[in-house]
Amino acid sequence: MQSTETRRSILRDVMDRWKAGVDTHAPQEVAACFTEDAIFQGLHPYSVGRPGVAEYYESQPLGLAAAYDILETRELADDVLLGYLGVDFSFVDRPAISVNLSIVLRRVDGEWLIGHYQVSKLG
């Protein structure tokens, strides 16, 4: 059983890589944070796998940036973590969008990757 701080540290490591890719409009870097078979649900229809993740982020406007706050973490099983986050996506030409994000991380060959990503938009 991992401590809360260990879980938060693992989640931060993955989400910092994800954020760096989002903030620099690097869709392939974002997709590399996901498992090969990841289920991905942004604010558009879902996709499965890294190509869908890369396509989604390629379609996002230049200047998109993400700021996140870890709200909850849980260890679901060995090598499986749940993260619940608040995320603000900011744009250069329109108001920010606030969402809740649920992710499931899996350790694959020693690396933590996102296996499930589900966004829900806040009212």
Protein backbone atom coordinates (compact mmCIF):
# COMPACT_ATOMS: atom_id res chain seq x y z
CA MET A 1 0.00 0.00 0.00
CA GLN A 2 1.47 3.33 -1.06
CA SER A 3 1.26 6.43 1.07
CA THR A 4 -0.86 9.39 0.00
CA GLU A 5 2.29 11.43 -0.67
CA THR A 6 3.77 8.67 -2.85
CA ARG A 7 0.54 8.44 -4.86
CA ARG A 8 0.43 12.22 -5.26
CA SER A 9 4.09 12.26 -6.35
CA ILE A 10 3.47 9.60 -9.01
CA LEU A 11 0.40 11.48 -10.23
CA ARG A 12 2.31 14.78 -10.34
CA ASP A 13 5.12 13.21 -12.37
CA VAL A 14 2.70 11.95 -15.02
CA MET A 15 0.57 15.09 -15.05
CA ASP A 16 3.60 17.39 -15.28
CA ARG A 17 4.68 15.52 -18.45
CA TRP A 18 1.10 15.75 -19.79
CA LYS A 19 0.94 19.48 -18.94
CA ALA A 20 4.28 20.18 -20.63
CA GLY A 21 2.98 18.58 -23.84
CA VAL A 22 -0.32 20.47 -23.67
CA ASP A 23 1.35 23.82 -22.93
CA THR A 24 3.83 23.48 -25.82
CA HIS A 25 1.28 22.09 -28.31
CA ALA A 26 3.20 18.80 -28.60
CA PRO A 27 0.47 16.19 -29.25
CA GLN A 28 2.90 13.26 -29.57
CA GLU A 29 4.43 14.12 -26.18
CA VAL A 30 0.96 14.21 -24.64
CA ALA A 31 0.09 10.87 -26.26
CA ALA A 32 3.29 9.33 -24.87
CA CYS A 33 1.83 9.81 -21.36
CA PHE A 34 -0.90 7.26 -22.22
CA THR A 35 -0.94 3.48 -22.53
CA GLU A 36 -1.23 2.00 -26.01
CA ASP A 37 -4.84 1.00 -25.26
CA ALA A 38 -5.90 4.05 -23.22
CA ILE A 39 -9.55 5.08 -23.19
CA PHE A 40 -9.56 8.84 -23.68
CA GLN A 41 -12.57 11.15 -23.21
CA GLY A 42 -11.87 14.84 -23.58
CA LEU A 43 -14.63 17.30 -24.48
CA HIS A 44 -15.22 15.48 -27.79
CA PRO A 45 -16.17 11.86 -28.57
CA TYR A 46 -13.93 9.27 -26.98
CA SER A 47 -11.07 7.42 -28.59
CA VAL A 48 -8.93 4.41 -27.75
CA GLY A 49 -5.15 4.47 -27.99
CA ARG A 50 -2.40 7.01 -28.44
CA PRO A 51 -3.29 8.05 -32.01
CA GLY A 52 -6.68 9.36 -30.83
CA VAL A 53 -5.04 11.29 -27.98
CA ALA A 54 -2.53 12.86 -30.37
CA GLU A 55 -5.28 13.76 -32.85
CA TYR A 56 -7.35 15.38 -30.10
CA TYR A 57 -4.48 17.57 -28.87
CA GLU A 58 -3.35 18.38 -32.41
CA SER A 59 -6.82 19.87 -32.97
CA GLN A 60 -6.53 22.17 -29.95
CA PRO A 61 -5.67 25.84 -30.53
CA LEU A 62 -2.14 27.14 -30.17
CA GLY A 63 -1.71 28.83 -26.81
CA LEU A 64 -3.80 26.27 -24.92
CA ALA A 65 -2.39 25.81 -21.42
CA ALA A 66 -3.40 23.57 -18.53
CA ALA A 67 -3.22 24.16 -14.78
CA TYR A 68 -4.19 21.28 -12.50
CA ASP A 69 -4.82 20.60 -8.84
CA ILE A 70 -4.82 17.08 -7.44
CA LEU A 71 -8.00 16.62 -5.42
CA GLU A 72 -7.92 12.90 -4.57
CA THR A 73 -5.82 9.78 -5.15
CA ARG A 74 -6.53 6.14 -4.47
CA GLU A 75 -4.57 2.95 -4.96
CA LEU A 76 -6.95 0.58 -6.75
CA ALA A 77 -4.55 -2.37 -6.96
CA ASP A 78 -0.85 -3.05 -7.28
CA ASP A 79 0.40 -0.85 -10.13
CA VAL A 80 -2.98 0.91 -10.55
CA LEU A 81 -3.77 4.40 -9.21
CA LEU A 82 -6.84 6.61 -9.49
CA GLY A 83 -6.48 10.37 -9.67
CA TYR A 84 -9.21 12.99 -9.44
CA LEU A 85 -8.15 16.50 -10.44
CA GLY A 86 -9.45 19.96 -11.11
CA VAL A 87 -8.07 21.34 -14.38
CA ASP A 88 -8.31 24.82 -15.88
CA PHE A 89 -7.62 25.00 -19.60
CA SER A 90 -6.77 28.55 -20.64
CA PHE A 91 -6.79 30.02 -24.14
CA VAL A 92 -5.33 33.16 -25.67
CA ASP A 93 -8.60 34.32 -27.24
CA ARG A 94 -11.45 33.09 -25.03
CA PRO A 95 -12.35 32.37 -21.40
CA ALA A 96 -10.80 29.44 -19.58
CA ILE A 97 -12.66 26.15 -19.21
CA SER A 98 -12.75 24.42 -15.82
CA VAL A 99 -13.17 20.65 -15.76
CA ASN A 100 -12.93 17.73 -13.42
CA LEU A 101 -10.60 14.99 -14.61
CA SER A 102 -10.58 11.37 -13.52
CA ILE A 103 -7.61 9.31 -14.57
CA VAL A 104 -6.44 5.79 -13.96
CA LEU A 105 -2.69 5.27 -14.04
CA ARG A 106 -1.13 1.89 -14.75
CA ARG A 107 2.49 0.94 -14.29
CA VAL A 108 3.64 -0.62 -17.55
CA ASP A 109 7.22 -1.91 -17.75
CA GLY A 110 8.15 0.27 -14.77
CA GLU A 111 6.60 3.46 -16.17
CA TRP A 112 3.39 5.08 -14.95
CA LEU A 113 1.01 5.85 -17.83
CA ILE A 114 -2.58 7.02 -18.18
CA GLY A 115 -4.87 4.10 -19.02
CA HIS A 116 -8.14 5.99 -18.67
CA TYR A 117 -8.87 9.74 -18.96
CA GLN A 118 -12.37 11.16 -18.43
CA VAL A 119 -13.17 14.87 -18.43
CA SER A 120 -16.41 16.33 -17.11
CA LYS A 121 -17.09 20.01 -17.71
CA LEU A 122 -18.17 22.10 -14.74
CA GLY A 123 -21.36 24.17 -15.02
